Amino acid sequence: MTGASSGIGREAALLLAAGGCRSLLVGRNGAALDEVAAATEGHRISVDLSAAGSEVAVASRASELLGDVDLLVCSAGLGAAGPFDMMSPEAIAELVAVNVLSPMALVRAMLPAMLDRGQGRILIVGSIAGALGVRGEVAYSATKAAMVGFADALRAEVAGRGITVTLCLPGVVDTPFFHRRGAPYVRRWPRPIPAALVAERMLAAAGRGSAEVWVPGWLLGAVRVHGAVPSLYRRLAGVFG
C-alpha cells in the first residue's frame, strides 16, 4: 500500500489490519511509517516511488514478506495549487512522476504475478479533479485525469483474467494534503470529509470488484451534469468554484 504514512492510505492500513490482513506499508516518511506499522503490526518500506527502479524493490519486498499479493492499493499522491503559468517545469515534472508514473510503474511491477495466479485486486486513489478539472489546480487535475484513463484501459485489458481494477474518486478530504501542497483549502463548500470514510468505502468497493467509487456519492451527480449539459456545469462551476 503506497501513501500509507498519512491520510487515506493510513486509514486504509488501519482498516485492513483490523480485518486481519497483513500489509506492506510504503511511503517516503520513515518515522510516520514506523507509527503506522506499530499500530497495524505491518511491514514497512521507506522509499521514494518516483525514483527509477523503486517499484521493483517494493514488488520484491512484498513478495518476500507477504507471498502472493491479493490487493495493491495506490494511494500516494502529491498536490499543487496556484496559477498554471506560475508553475515551474520542475514542479510539473515532479507532479507527473509521483501521481502518474509511480502508480503505473508499481502496477506494472505487481501485475504479472497476479495474472499468473489469475487473481488480484488493484485499487487506485484518484480525485474528483481528474473527472471535472479544478481551476487553480490545472496540473494536478491533469495527473488525476491520467489515472482515470489508466484505470479504465487497464480494467478493459485484464477483463476476464481474474483481476479487478477499482478507481476511487474522492472529493475534498480532511488530510495533511493541503498543508503539504502549500495552499490551504479555503472554500466553504463542500466541506472536507474524513479520510477514514474514504478508506472504508474504497476498500469495500475493491472487495466487491466495483469499477469506481465516488466519495461522497453525490459527486457522481456533478459528473453527470458535466457530461450531459457541459455549458450548465461550466456556469455552476463559475459560481461555486
Protein backbone atom coordinates (compact mmCIF):
# COMPACT_ATOMS: atom_id res chain seq x y z
CA MET A 1 0.00 0.00 0.00
CA THR A 2 1.51 3.31 -1.06
CA GLY A 3 0.90 6.59 0.74
CA ALA A 4 0.49 4.62 3.96
CA SER A 5 2.10 7.15 6.28
CA SER A 6 -0.88 9.53 6.44
CA GLY A 7 -4.32 10.42 5.17
CA ILE A 8 -6.38 7.92 3.20
CA GLY A 9 -3.55 5.41 2.98
CA ARG A 10 -3.02 5.38 6.72
CA GLU A 11 -6.72 4.88 7.40
CA ALA A 12 -6.87 2.08 4.86
CA ALA A 13 -3.92 0.36 6.53
CA LEU A 14 -5.67 0.54 9.90
CA LEU A 15 -8.89 -0.90 8.47
CA LEU A 16 -7.10 -3.75 6.74
CA ALA A 17 -5.21 -4.60 9.92
CA ALA A 18 -8.44 -4.59 11.90
CA GLY A 19 -9.78 -7.13 9.42
CA GLY A 20 -6.80 -9.40 9.93
CA CYS A 21 -4.96 -8.55 6.71
CA ARG A 22 -1.17 -8.28 6.52
CA SER A 23 0.21 -5.32 4.61
CA LEU A 24 3.42 -3.81 3.33
CA LEU A 25 3.27 -0.09 4.05
CA VAL A 26 5.06 2.12 1.53
CA GLY A 27 5.90 5.81 1.87
CA ARG A 28 8.64 8.40 1.99
CA ASN A 29 8.25 9.43 5.64
CA GLY A 30 10.04 6.72 7.58
CA ALA A 31 9.12 7.98 11.04
CA ALA A 32 5.42 8.21 10.17
CA LEU A 33 5.54 4.76 8.61
CA ASP A 34 7.01 3.39 11.81
CA GLU A 35 4.00 4.67 13.74
CA VAL A 36 1.52 3.10 11.31
CA ALA A 37 3.48 -0.16 11.23
CA ALA A 38 3.40 -0.30 15.02
CA ALA A 39 -0.35 0.34 15.07
CA THR A 40 -1.05 -2.30 12.41
CA GLU A 41 1.73 -4.80 13.16
CA GLY A 42 2.55 -4.50 9.48
CA HIS A 43 5.75 -4.35 7.47
CA ARG A 44 7.07 -1.11 6.07
CA ILE A 45 9.46 0.13 3.44
CA SER A 46 10.51 3.75 3.17
CA VAL A 47 11.11 4.60 -0.46
CA ASP A 48 10.56 7.36 -3.00
CA LEU A 49 8.48 5.69 -5.68
CA SER A 50 9.34 8.41 -8.18
CA ALA A 51 12.93 7.11 -8.18
CA ALA A 52 13.79 4.78 -11.04
CA GLY A 53 13.66 1.12 -10.06
CA SER A 54 11.94 1.69 -6.73
CA GLU A 55 8.84 -0.18 -7.88
CA VAL A 56 10.94 -3.31 -8.41
CA ALA A 57 12.25 -3.08 -4.85
CA VAL A 58 8.72 -2.72 -3.47
CA ALA A 59 7.37 -5.62 -5.54
CA SER A 60 10.26 -7.83 -4.46
CA ARG A 61 9.86 -6.91 -0.80
CA ALA A 62 6.11 -7.52 -0.93
CA SER A 63 6.62 -10.96 -2.42
CA GLU A 64 9.28 -11.79 0.16
CA LEU A 65 7.21 -10.71 3.16
CA LEU A 66 3.66 -11.45 2.09
CA GLY A 67 3.89 -14.07 -0.60
CA ASP A 68 1.01 -13.65 -3.04
CA VAL A 69 -0.30 -10.07 -3.01
CA ASP A 70 -4.08 -10.06 -3.19
CA LEU A 71 -4.63 -6.29 -3.09
CA LEU A 72 -2.47 -3.44 -4.36
CA VAL A 73 -3.51 -0.02 -3.07
CA CYS A 74 -2.02 3.01 -4.84
CA SER A 75 -2.91 5.94 -2.63
CA ALA A 76 0.26 8.06 -2.68
CA GLY A 77 -0.19 11.48 -4.22
CA LEU A 78 1.23 14.96 -4.46
CA GLY A 79 -0.81 18.15 -4.62
CA ALA A 80 -0.22 21.50 -6.26
CA ALA A 81 -2.21 24.71 -6.35
CA GLY A 82 -1.84 28.10 -7.94
CA PRO A 83 -1.87 29.64 -11.42
CA PHE A 84 -0.60 27.18 -14.01
CA ASP A 85 1.53 29.83 -15.71
CA MET A 86 3.42 30.27 -12.46
CA MET A 87 4.34 26.60 -12.04
CA SER A 88 7.93 25.71 -12.76
CA PRO A 89 8.77 22.90 -15.19
CA GLU A 90 10.41 21.09 -12.27
CA ALA A 91 7.23 21.23 -10.19
CA ILE A 92 5.15 19.89 -13.08
CA ALA A 93 7.63 17.07 -13.70
CA GLU A 94 7.57 16.07 -10.03
CA LEU A 95 3.77 16.05 -10.00
CA VAL A 96 3.65 13.78 -13.04
CA ALA A 97 6.34 11.50 -11.61
CA VAL A 98 4.56 11.00 -8.29
CA ASN A 99 0.92 10.99 -9.41
CA VAL A 100 1.17 9.24 -12.78
CA LEU A 101 4.42 7.43 -13.45
CA SER A 102 4.85 5.98 -9.95
CA PRO A 103 1.50 4.17 -9.72
CA MET A 104 1.80 2.98 -13.31
CA ALA A 105 5.27 1.58 -12.66
CA LEU A 106 4.20 -0.16 -9.46
CA VAL A 107 1.14 -1.73 -11.08
CA ARG A 108 3.36 -2.87 -13.95
CA ALA A 109 5.74 -4.49 -11.45
CA MET A 110 2.97 -6.26 -9.48
CA LEU A 111 0.60 -7.23 -12.27
CA PRO A 112 2.44 -10.19 -13.85
CA ALA A 113 2.28 -12.25 -10.65
CA MET A 114 -1.44 -11.51 -10.32
CA LEU A 115 -2.05 -12.55 -13.91
CA ASP A 116 -0.06 -15.75 -13.43
CA ARG A 117 -2.30 -16.66 -10.47
CA GLY A 118 -5.45 -15.44 -12.19
CA GLN A 119 -6.36 -13.44 -9.11
CA GLY A 120 -5.78 -9.94 -7.75
CA ARG A 121 -7.31 -6.59 -6.95
CA ILE A 122 -5.89 -3.19 -7.83
CA LEU A 123 -7.22 -0.10 -6.07
CA ILE A 124 -6.19 3.32 -7.36
CA VAL A 125 -6.97 6.52 -5.48
CA GLY A 126 -7.75 9.28 -7.93
CA SER A 127 -9.65 12.53 -7.38
CA ILE A 128 -12.78 14.32 -8.47
CA ALA A 129 -10.33 16.79 -10.02
CA GLY A 130 -9.47 14.13 -12.56
CA ALA A 131 -13.08 13.84 -13.68
CA LEU A 132 -14.06 17.51 -13.70
CA GLY A 133 -10.92 19.62 -13.57
CA VAL A 134 -10.44 22.31 -10.94
CA ARG A 135 -9.30 25.85 -11.59
CA GLY A 136 -6.16 26.71 -9.69
CA GLU A 137 -5.20 23.02 -9.81
CA VAL A 138 -4.57 22.57 -13.51
CA ALA A 139 -1.52 20.29 -13.40
CA TYR A 140 -2.90 18.27 -10.50
CA SER A 141 -6.21 17.79 -12.33
CA ALA A 142 -4.32 16.60 -15.40
CA THR A 143 -2.39 13.98 -13.43
CA LYS A 144 -5.57 12.66 -11.85
CA ALA A 145 -7.31 12.61 -15.22
CA ALA A 146 -4.47 10.38 -16.39
CA MET A 147 -5.38 7.94 -13.62
CA VAL A 148 -8.97 7.80 -14.86
CA GLY A 149 -7.75 6.79 -18.31
CA PHE A 150 -5.20 4.37 -16.87
CA ALA A 151 -7.76 2.59 -14.68
CA ASP A 152 -10.32 2.38 -17.49
CA ALA A 153 -7.84 0.99 -20.01
CA LEU A 154 -6.22 -1.43 -17.57
CA ARG A 155 -9.62 -2.73 -16.44
CA ALA A 156 -10.56 -3.47 -20.04
CA GLU A 157 -7.23 -5.15 -20.74
CA VAL A 158 -7.37 -7.56 -17.78
CA ALA A 159 -11.10 -8.30 -18.04
CA GLY A 160 -11.84 -11.99 -17.72
CA ARG A 161 -8.41 -12.77 -16.27
CA GLY A 162 -9.30 -12.70 -12.57
CA ILE A 163 -8.08 -9.14 -11.93
CA THR A 164 -10.31 -6.26 -10.81
CA VAL A 165 -9.39 -2.58 -11.07
CA THR A 166 -11.19 -0.13 -8.79
CA LEU A 167 -10.81 3.63 -9.06
CA CYS A 168 -11.71 5.76 -6.05
CA LEU A 169 -12.65 9.36 -6.81
CA PRO A 170 -12.89 11.30 -3.57
CA GLY A 171 -13.82 14.93 -3.19
CA VAL A 172 -12.25 17.18 -0.56
CA VAL A 173 -10.75 15.02 2.17
CA ASP A 174 -9.57 16.11 5.61
CA THR A 175 -5.87 15.14 5.38
CA PRO A 176 -2.46 16.87 5.51
CA PHE A 177 -2.65 17.03 1.69
CA PHE A 178 -3.49 20.73 1.55
CA HIS A 179 -0.83 21.71 4.06
CA ARG A 180 1.81 19.82 2.13
CA ARG A 181 0.91 21.41 -1.18
CA GLY A 182 1.44 24.83 0.41
CA ALA A 183 -2.10 26.13 -0.09
CA PRO A 184 -4.87 25.52 2.46
CA TYR A 185 -8.40 24.58 1.47
CA VAL A 186 -10.44 27.79 1.78
CA ARG A 187 -13.81 27.03 0.17
CA ARG A 188 -16.84 27.00 2.47
CA TRP A 189 -18.42 24.22 0.42
CA PRO A 190 -18.08 21.33 0.04
CA ARG A 191 -16.75 20.60 3.50
CA PRO A 192 -13.85 18.14 3.79
CA ILE A 193 -14.85 14.57 4.61
CA PRO A 194 -12.95 12.22 6.95
CA ALA A 195 -10.18 10.15 5.41
CA ALA A 196 -11.49 7.11 7.30
CA LEU A 197 -14.78 7.35 5.38
CA VAL A 198 -12.97 7.33 2.05
CA ALA A 199 -10.81 4.39 3.11
CA GLU A 200 -13.81 2.40 4.28
CA ARG A 201 -15.80 2.92 1.09
CA MET A 202 -12.94 2.34 -1.32
CA LEU A 203 -11.89 -0.91 0.37
CA ALA A 204 -15.49 -2.10 0.31
CA ALA A 205 -15.70 -1.25 -3.39
CA ALA A 206 -12.45 -3.07 -4.13
CA GLY A 207 -13.77 -6.08 -2.23
CA ARG A 208 -16.85 -6.11 -4.45
CA GLY A 209 -14.78 -5.64 -7.58
CA SER A 210 -16.53 -2.36 -8.39
CA ALA A 211 -15.09 -0.30 -11.22
CA GLU A 212 -15.49 3.06 -9.46
CA VAL A 213 -16.48 4.54 -6.13
CA TRP A 214 -17.30 8.21 -5.60
CA VAL A 215 -16.91 9.63 -2.09
CA PRO A 216 -19.23 11.30 -1.27
CA GLY A 217 -21.70 9.72 -3.67
CA TRP A 218 -23.30 12.98 -4.78
CA LEU A 219 -20.15 13.79 -6.76
CA LEU A 220 -21.39 11.43 -9.44
CA GLY A 221 -24.31 13.80 -9.99
CA ALA A 222 -21.92 16.64 -10.75
CA VAL A 223 -20.06 14.44 -13.23
CA ARG A 224 -23.32 13.51 -14.95
CA VAL A 225 -24.27 17.17 -15.30
CA HIS A 226 -20.80 17.83 -16.71
CA GLY A 227 -21.28 15.09 -19.30
CA ALA A 228 -24.90 15.80 -20.20
CA VAL A 229 -25.02 19.59 -20.07
CA PRO A 230 -21.44 20.89 -20.05
CA SER A 231 -22.47 24.52 -20.55
CA LEU A 232 -24.62 24.38 -17.39
CA TYR A 233 -21.82 22.74 -15.47
CA ARG A 234 -19.39 25.47 -16.50
CA ARG A 235 -21.80 28.16 -15.33
CA LEU A 236 -22.28 26.43 -11.97
CA ALA A 237 -18.54 25.92 -11.60
CA GLY A 238 -18.02 29.60 -12.27
CA VAL A 239 -20.32 30.41 -9.35
CA PHE A 240 -19.31 27.72 -6.86
CA GLY A 241 -15.73 27.05 -7.95
